[in-house]
Amino acid sequence: MVLPYAIATGNSMIVKPSEKVPLTMMKIFELVHQLDLPKGLLNMVHGGKESVDAILEHPDVKSISFVGSTPVAKYIYAKGTAHGKRVQAQGGAKNPVIILPDADVDMTTQIITDSVYGCAGQRCLAASVIITVEDNGNMRDALYAAAQNRKTGFGLEAGVEMGPVITPESKQRIEDLIALGEKEGGSLLLDGRGTSISNFEQGNFLRPSIIENLPLQSSLMKTEIFGPVMTLLSMKTIDDAIAFVNGNNYGNMACLFTSSGSSARKFRNEAMAGNIGINIGVAAPVAQFPFSGWKESFFGDLHGQGKHAIEFFTQTKVVVERWPKEWTRKF
């Protein structure tokens, strides 16, 4: 979140939350109002595209920071820069995770399952494509069992590990993408469609799904699902897996699970993604480092967080001075 950086560097800010999930930001603003900040320092507007365009076109707005899907990120970046604004636009992802044979099965299973199905897969760093290398079936079976046993339901009930997706339209879109995976040659190891939760029959619930052996050239392999769906692949070598990572049209995150330091070093150096994780399921950097998406996951030059954010919300000035010796006597 760039709000603290914008304020700390002397800017006022307009926040336009998603019209689908405005309540969290509204709650944050309730807390902000308790700080007795100067009037007009922080502002919130609601709405859809018309509100976005008004911000992008307004001459008093000097910079734009956005997080959302890649198509919208491209639109924000193109229109914002066309109006002379500085823009950082974070887009979608298709986050691959590689599991080597020397990875700890229990730890890896728990971390990856939380990454794929946490927040019902609705976060930009959710693991999406899981690649086992030289797997004899142990990792596959463990991932299947963990997904099958994950409890779905109302999030405030004890023991529930995964809640609903955001809207009925999102649920339908995810179910349609699962069907597309089958049509394109993938096999459903676990099908979470058609989920109904007692007392919440109208809820937007899906249980965890796993699509296996999806062809690498399929359209779904290049589409962000943004839901509780794992795509499970098997490859022969770490080089094959890294080549897949580097061929990904997105570049938000890539992770490796291994107990080998040399394999980790190879992956760190060769994997082409902005956020790299080693034995980490969600490679979100701490605040002093930029959230570093690449390729179709980011449009702009300076990322959010850390020194990048400080540079983004400031404008540099270079002052060149010369003081001849005789002039200094006047002071």
Protein backbone atom coordinates (compact mmCIF):
# COMPACT_ATOMS: atom_id res chain seq x y z
CA MET A 1 0.00 0.00 0.00
CA VAL A 2 1.52 3.30 -1.11
CA LEU A 3 -0.54 5.61 1.11
CA PRO A 4 2.13 6.05 3.84
CA TYR A 5 4.82 6.81 1.24
CA ALA A 6 2.68 9.42 -0.49
CA ILE A 7 1.93 11.24 2.75
CA ALA A 8 5.46 11.00 4.13
CA THR A 9 6.84 12.64 1.00
CA GLY A 10 4.47 15.59 1.26
CA ASN A 11 1.62 14.66 -1.07
CA SER A 12 -2.13 14.73 -0.72
CA MET A 13 -3.89 11.64 -2.04
CA ILE A 14 -7.15 10.48 -3.59
CA VAL A 15 -8.05 6.83 -3.00
CA LYS A 16 -10.52 5.13 -5.35
CA PRO A 17 -11.21 1.66 -3.89
CA SER A 18 -12.61 -1.16 -5.95
CA GLU A 19 -16.37 -0.81 -6.24
CA LYS A 20 -16.55 -4.53 -5.43
CA VAL A 21 -14.69 -4.36 -2.12
CA PRO A 22 -14.83 -0.81 -0.71
CA LEU A 23 -15.48 -1.68 2.93
CA THR A 24 -11.88 -2.39 3.97
CA MET A 25 -10.66 0.96 2.70
CA MET A 26 -13.65 2.71 4.26
CA LYS A 27 -12.67 1.16 7.61
CA ILE A 28 -9.09 2.35 7.12
CA PHE A 29 -10.36 5.86 6.50
CA GLU A 30 -12.39 5.71 9.70
CA LEU A 31 -9.15 5.02 11.54
CA VAL A 32 -7.30 7.71 9.58
CA HIS A 33 -9.88 10.32 10.60
CA GLN A 34 -8.91 9.70 14.22
CA LEU A 35 -5.40 11.01 13.46
CA ASP A 36 -6.61 14.61 13.02
CA LEU A 37 -4.68 15.05 9.77
CA PRO A 38 -5.02 18.28 7.77
CA LYS A 39 -8.29 18.52 5.87
CA GLY A 40 -7.92 17.40 2.26
CA LEU A 41 -4.73 15.43 2.83
CA LEU A 42 -6.51 12.11 2.29
CA ASN A 43 -9.61 11.83 0.14
CA MET A 44 -11.81 8.98 -1.06
CA VAL A 45 -14.03 8.74 -4.10
CA HIS A 46 -16.19 5.80 -5.17
CA GLY A 47 -17.41 4.66 -8.55
CA GLY A 48 -16.36 2.77 -11.64
CA LYS A 49 -14.64 3.74 -14.87
CA GLU A 50 -16.03 7.27 -14.86
CA SER A 51 -14.30 7.99 -11.54
CA VAL A 52 -11.07 6.43 -12.78
CA ASP A 53 -11.09 8.50 -15.96
CA ALA A 54 -11.75 11.68 -14.00
CA ILE A 55 -8.64 11.01 -11.92
CA LEU A 56 -6.54 10.05 -14.94
CA GLU A 57 -7.51 13.22 -16.81
CA HIS A 58 -7.47 15.79 -14.00
CA PRO A 59 -4.57 18.25 -14.38
CA ASP A 60 -3.99 18.52 -10.60
CA VAL A 61 -3.30 14.80 -10.26
CA LYS A 62 0.41 14.28 -10.91
CA SER A 63 0.89 10.55 -10.32
CA ILE A 64 -1.19 7.36 -10.38
CA SER A 65 -0.66 4.12 -8.47
CA PHE A 66 -2.83 1.13 -9.39
CA VAL A 67 -3.24 -2.57 -8.52
CA GLY A 68 -5.58 -4.81 -10.49
CA SER A 69 -5.85 -6.94 -13.62
CA THR A 70 -3.40 -6.65 -16.50
CA PRO A 71 -5.94 -5.31 -19.06
CA VAL A 72 -6.95 -2.51 -16.68
CA ALA A 73 -3.31 -1.87 -15.70
CA LYS A 74 -2.47 -1.37 -19.39
CA TYR A 75 -5.39 1.05 -19.73
CA ILE A 76 -4.38 3.02 -16.62
CA TYR A 77 -0.77 3.21 -17.75
CA ALA A 78 -1.56 4.26 -21.32
CA LYS A 79 -4.14 6.88 -20.44
CA GLY A 80 -2.30 8.22 -17.41
CA THR A 81 0.99 8.69 -19.24
CA ALA A 82 -0.86 10.19 -22.21
CA HIS A 83 -2.01 12.92 -19.80
CA GLY A 84 1.56 13.51 -18.63
CA LYS A 85 1.30 11.65 -15.33
CA ARG A 86 3.78 9.38 -13.61
CA VAL A 87 2.18 5.91 -13.40
CA GLN A 88 2.90 2.65 -11.59
CA ALA A 89 0.33 0.03 -12.61
CA GLN A 90 0.50 -3.47 -11.15
CA GLY A 91 -1.31 -6.11 -13.18
CA GLY A 92 -2.17 -9.80 -13.02
CA ALA A 93 -0.10 -12.90 -12.40
CA LYS A 94 0.27 -16.61 -13.04
CA ASN A 95 2.65 -17.43 -10.22
CA PRO A 96 4.65 -20.65 -10.80
CA VAL A 97 6.13 -22.73 -7.98
CA ILE A 98 8.76 -25.44 -8.54
CA ILE A 99 9.14 -28.36 -6.14
CA LEU A 100 12.40 -30.33 -6.30
CA PRO A 101 12.66 -33.96 -5.10
CA ASP A 102 14.70 -32.92 -2.05
CA ALA A 103 11.98 -30.60 -0.69
CA ASP A 104 10.35 -31.50 2.62
CA VAL A 105 6.96 -32.93 1.62
CA ASP A 106 4.97 -31.97 4.72
CA MET A 107 6.26 -28.41 4.98
CA THR A 108 6.00 -27.82 1.24
CA THR A 109 2.45 -29.16 1.09
CA GLN A 110 1.26 -26.91 3.90
CA ILE A 111 2.89 -23.76 2.55
CA ILE A 112 1.78 -24.28 -1.05
CA THR A 113 -1.78 -25.19 -0.08
CA ASP A 114 -2.05 -22.00 1.98
CA SER A 115 -0.63 -20.00 -0.92
CA VAL A 116 -2.96 -21.43 -3.58
CA TYR A 117 -6.16 -21.47 -1.53
CA GLY A 118 -5.63 -18.67 0.99
CA CYS A 119 -8.13 -15.85 0.33
CA ALA A 120 -9.76 -18.36 -2.08
CA GLY A 121 -6.90 -17.64 -4.48
CA GLN A 122 -7.91 -13.98 -4.77
CA ARG A 123 -4.57 -12.28 -4.26
CA CYS A 124 -1.87 -11.22 -6.67
CA LEU A 125 0.79 -13.49 -5.17
CA ALA A 126 -1.32 -16.64 -4.86
CA ALA A 127 0.57 -19.66 -6.19
CA SER A 128 -1.08 -20.86 -9.38
CA VAL A 129 1.03 -23.34 -11.38
CA ILE A 130 2.74 -26.03 -9.28
CA ILE A 131 5.58 -27.88 -11.01
CA THR A 132 6.94 -31.06 -9.47
CA VAL A 133 10.37 -32.18 -10.71
CA GLU A 134 11.08 -35.94 -10.82
CA ASP A 135 8.08 -36.54 -8.58
CA ASN A 136 7.35 -40.17 -7.75
CA GLY A 137 3.78 -39.33 -6.77
CA ASN A 138 4.36 -38.45 -3.12
CA MET A 139 4.11 -34.69 -3.64
CA ARG A 140 1.14 -35.01 -5.96
CA ASP A 141 -0.73 -37.20 -3.49
CA ALA A 142 0.08 -34.88 -0.59
CA LEU A 143 -1.16 -31.79 -2.45
CA TYR A 144 -4.34 -33.61 -3.46
CA ALA A 145 -5.07 -34.75 0.10
CA ALA A 146 -4.43 -31.28 1.57
CA ALA A 147 -6.69 -29.59 -0.99
CA GLN A 148 -9.45 -32.18 -0.60
CA ASN A 149 -9.43 -31.79 3.20
CA ARG A 150 -9.42 -27.99 3.24
CA LYS A 151 -12.59 -26.78 4.91
CA THR A 152 -14.64 -24.28 2.92
CA GLY A 153 -17.40 -22.15 4.43
CA PHE A 154 -18.32 -18.96 6.26
CA GLY A 155 -15.01 -17.42 7.28
CA LEU A 156 -15.99 -16.54 10.84
CA GLU A 157 -16.90 -20.13 11.71
CA ALA A 158 -14.33 -22.14 13.65
CA GLY A 159 -12.16 -24.39 11.52
CA VAL A 160 -13.04 -22.79 8.17
CA GLU A 161 -9.92 -22.35 6.01
CA MET A 162 -11.40 -20.88 2.84
CA GLY A 163 -14.31 -18.55 2.27
CA PRO A 164 -16.25 -17.51 -0.85
CA VAL A 165 -15.06 -15.71 -3.95
CA ILE A 166 -16.03 -12.10 -4.32
CA THR A 167 -19.15 -12.12 -6.56
CA PRO A 168 -21.49 -14.52 -8.36
CA GLU A 169 -19.93 -13.35 -11.61
CA SER A 170 -16.47 -14.26 -10.34
CA LYS A 171 -17.67 -17.71 -9.30
CA GLN A 172 -19.15 -18.29 -12.74
CA ARG A 173 -15.99 -17.04 -14.44
CA ILE A 174 -13.81 -19.42 -12.40
CA GLU A 175 -16.10 -22.38 -13.09
CA ASP A 176 -16.03 -21.53 -16.79
CA LEU A 177 -12.22 -21.46 -16.71
CA ILE A 178 -12.13 -24.88 -15.04
CA ALA A 179 -14.34 -26.18 -17.84
CA LEU A 180 -12.00 -24.56 -20.36
CA GLY A 181 -9.07 -26.41 -18.77
CA GLU A 182 -10.86 -29.71 -19.35
CA LYS A 183 -11.72 -28.73 -22.93
CA GLU A 184 -8.09 -27.85 -23.63
CA GLY A 185 -6.83 -31.25 -22.51
CA GLY A 186 -6.31 -30.93 -18.76
CA SER A 187 -7.69 -33.53 -16.37
CA LEU A 188 -9.52 -32.65 -13.17
CA LEU A 189 -7.81 -34.27 -10.22
CA LEU A 190 -10.15 -32.33 -7.91
CA ASP A 191 -13.29 -30.46 -8.96
CA GLY A 192 -14.52 -27.70 -6.65
CA ARG A 193 -17.44 -26.59 -8.77
CA GLY A 194 -21.06 -26.92 -7.68
CA THR A 195 -20.27 -26.19 -4.03
CA SER A 196 -23.14 -25.48 -1.66
CA ILE A 197 -22.56 -24.56 1.98
CA SER A 198 -25.33 -25.26 4.51
CA ASN A 199 -27.09 -22.06 5.64
CA PHE A 200 -25.24 -20.14 2.91
CA GLU A 201 -26.72 -21.72 -0.20
CA GLN A 202 -26.65 -18.42 -2.11
CA GLY A 203 -22.98 -17.81 -1.29
CA ASN A 204 -20.25 -17.61 -3.93
CA PHE A 205 -18.45 -20.75 -2.76
CA LEU A 206 -16.10 -23.06 -4.62
CA ARG A 207 -14.04 -25.80 -3.05
CA PRO A 208 -10.38 -26.27 -4.04
CA SER A 209 -9.79 -27.54 -7.57
CA ILE A 210 -6.72 -29.15 -9.15
CA ILE A 211 -6.22 -29.32 -12.91
CA GLU A 212 -3.53 -31.78 -13.94
CA ASN A 213 -1.43 -32.05 -17.11
CA LEU A 214 -2.80 -28.94 -18.78
CA PRO A 215 -1.00 -28.48 -22.13
CA LEU A 216 1.67 -25.79 -21.91
CA GLN A 217 0.32 -23.98 -24.97
CA SER A 218 -3.29 -23.90 -23.78
CA SER A 219 -4.96 -20.53 -23.32
CA LEU A 220 -5.75 -21.27 -19.67
CA MET A 221 -2.02 -21.63 -18.96
CA LYS A 222 -1.71 -17.97 -19.91
CA THR A 223 -4.85 -16.78 -18.07
CA GLU A 224 -4.99 -15.54 -14.49
CA ILE A 225 -7.78 -17.52 -12.80
CA PHE A 226 -7.80 -15.53 -9.53
CA GLY A 227 -9.62 -18.29 -7.69
CA PRO A 228 -9.00 -21.51 -5.71
CA VAL A 229 -7.58 -23.51 -8.63
CA MET A 230 -4.19 -25.23 -8.74
CA THR A 231 -2.65 -26.20 -12.06
CA LEU A 232 -0.37 -29.19 -11.44
CA LEU A 233 2.45 -30.06 -13.84
CA SER A 234 5.36 -32.47 -13.80
CA MET A 235 8.73 -31.82 -15.45
CA LYS A 236 11.96 -33.79 -15.71
CA THR A 237 14.56 -31.20 -14.67
CA ILE A 238 14.92 -27.88 -12.90
CA ASP A 239 16.11 -26.41 -16.19
CA ASP A 240 12.82 -27.39 -17.83
CA ALA A 241 10.91 -25.79 -14.97
CA ILE A 242 12.95 -22.57 -15.06
CA ALA A 243 12.43 -22.37 -18.83
CA PHE A 244 8.69 -22.55 -18.19
CA VAL A 245 8.93 -19.77 -15.60
CA ASN A 246 10.87 -17.57 -18.00
CA GLY A 247 8.37 -18.20 -20.79
CA ASN A 248 5.52 -17.01 -18.59
CA ASN A 249 3.91 -13.83 -19.94
CA TYR A 250 3.52 -12.66 -16.34
CA GLY A 251 6.37 -11.97 -13.93
CA ASN A 252 4.98 -11.21 -10.50
CA MET A 253 6.35 -14.14 -8.47
CA ALA A 254 8.18 -17.43 -8.86
CA CYS A 255 9.13 -19.78 -6.02
CA LEU A 256 11.31 -22.84 -5.49
CA PHE A 257 11.06 -25.48 -2.77
CA THR A 258 14.31 -27.32 -2.13
CA SER A 259 16.87 -28.22 0.56
CA SER A 260 19.73 -27.60 -1.90
CA GLY A 261 21.66 -24.35 -1.65
CA SER A 262 23.08 -24.72 -5.16
CA SER A 263 19.60 -25.24 -6.64
CA ALA A 264 18.35 -22.18 -4.78
CA ARG A 265 21.26 -20.10 -6.09
CA LYS A 266 20.61 -21.29 -9.65
CA PHE A 267 16.93 -20.38 -9.35
CA ARG A 268 17.61 -16.95 -7.84
CA ASN A 269 19.98 -16.11 -10.68
CA GLU A 270 18.02 -17.55 -13.61
CA ALA A 271 14.31 -17.17 -12.82
CA MET A 272 12.77 -14.13 -14.54
CA ALA A 273 10.24 -12.77 -12.08
CA GLY A 274 10.24 -9.72 -9.88
CA ASN A 275 9.55 -11.43 -6.55
CA ILE A 276 11.50 -14.65 -5.93
CA GLY A 277 10.76 -17.06 -3.09
CA ILE A 278 12.86 -19.93 -1.74
CA ASN A 279 10.75 -22.26 0.40
CA ILE A 280 8.21 -19.42 0.56
CA GLY A 281 4.63 -19.67 -0.72
CA VAL A 282 3.87 -15.95 -0.94
CA ALA A 283 7.04 -14.01 -1.73
CA ALA A 284 5.77 -10.62 -0.55
CA PRO A 285 8.72 -8.37 0.26
CA VAL A 286 8.91 -6.48 3.54
CA ALA A 287 8.21 -2.76 3.36
CA GLN A 288 11.78 -1.55 2.73
CA PHE A 289 11.92 -3.47 -0.57
CA PRO A 290 9.86 -2.69 -3.70
CA PHE A 291 7.07 -5.01 -4.76
CA SER A 292 8.84 -5.90 -7.98
CA GLY A 293 6.54 -7.27 -10.68
CA TRP A 294 7.94 -7.83 -14.19
CA LYS A 295 6.61 -8.36 -17.72
CA GLU A 296 2.79 -8.29 -18.02
CA SER A 297 2.52 -7.94 -14.24
CA PHE A 298 3.77 -4.36 -14.10
CA PHE A 299 3.71 -1.21 -16.21
CA GLY A 300 5.96 1.66 -15.25
CA ASP A 301 9.48 2.19 -13.95
CA LEU A 302 9.24 2.66 -10.19
CA HIS A 303 7.44 0.04 -8.11
CA GLY A 304 5.50 0.45 -4.88
CA GLN A 305 7.21 0.28 -1.47
CA GLY A 306 10.76 1.04 -0.41
CA LYS A 307 13.08 3.45 -2.20
CA HIS A 308 11.09 3.09 -5.42
CA ALA A 309 8.00 4.52 -3.73
CA ILE A 310 9.99 7.41 -2.24
CA GLU A 311 11.32 8.26 -5.70
CA PHE A 312 7.88 7.85 -7.28
CA PHE A 313 6.21 10.35 -4.95
CA THR A 314 8.97 12.95 -5.11
CA GLN A 315 10.51 15.02 -7.87
CA THR A 316 14.26 15.51 -7.87
CA LYS A 317 15.92 18.88 -8.15
CA VAL A 318 19.58 19.42 -9.06
CA VAL A 319 21.22 22.63 -7.81
CA VAL A 320 24.61 23.63 -9.20
CA GLU A 321 26.34 26.53 -7.38
CA ARG A 322 29.60 28.38 -7.67
CA TRP A 323 30.83 30.87 -5.12
CA PRO A 324 33.91 32.92 -6.13
CA LYS A 325 36.11 33.64 -3.13
CA GLU A 326 35.66 37.42 -3.25
CA TRP A 327 31.84 37.10 -3.15
CA THR A 328 31.80 35.13 0.07
CA ARG A 329 33.06 38.18 2.01
CA LYS A 330 29.62 39.73 1.60
CA PHE A 331 28.03 37.18 3.98
